[in-house]
Amino acid sequence: MVRKSSITSMFAGSPVKPLQQHMEKACECADQLNLFFKAVKNKDSEAFKRIHKNISKLEVAADEIKGNLRAHMPNSLFMPMPREQVLDIVRLQDKIANLSQDISGIMTGRKTELPKAVADLFISFVERAVDAAHQAQEAINELDELIETGFRGRQIDVVQEMIAKLEKIESQTDKLERKLRHAMFKIEKEHPPLDMMFLYRMIDQIGKLAAASHQVGARIQLLMAK
């Protein structure tokens, strides 16, 4: 549970809480991808259509938080963090939500199936990418404490450990992506070329989701380096 900082409460329109709320909604979008691809694996079309609709609703909710945050963000002079860096973090978090919607939307629209030979590996890849989003969220949820301590002291070490774990997860995601692409290559000729092309595109998009999460961690590192 995130504690409200006595210092952040001094800043009217502080972006910290809405930033955390936006990341929470982005992670909810990503979480649905785990359920989505399991439904695709099971060829449960009703389930994956329903899950895609859920992701779309969550993405709209994330956009509302993003819009309110941007509209009510004060000048950098009155904020505990530089305005441009806050907006950059919002952009990356928004990418997580948007990619989740795009991935599920394309898969639903094309009714593309997961080849049995790679289905489990595909789902493992998705799960690890979603793990990256949640690890980035953990770091975002520490912003209150970082500001409270003036980006100094033990709290820096705590967040650095979180970011180190995020980097490890992102590296594991990259390895799973390479392994999945290799497995896909071996079965390419057994499946319709267009279906395989779209699956490769989905792999690329899922990789971008993990990368966006990793970049959120990198932006927090920049804040701590000030």
Foldseek 3Di string as FASTA:
>chain_A
DFDAAPVQVVQVLELQVLLLVLLVLLLVLLVLVLVLLVCLQVLVLVRLVVSLVVLVVSLVVSVVSVVVSVVRPDQCVRYLFHPVLSNLLSVLSNLSSVLSNVLSVVCSVVVQHDPPQCSVLVSVLSVLLSVLSVLLSVLSSCVSVCSNVVLDDPSVVVSVVSLVVSVVSLVVSVVSLVVSVVSCVVCCVVDPVVSSVVVNVSSVSSNSSSVSSNVSSVSVVVRSVD
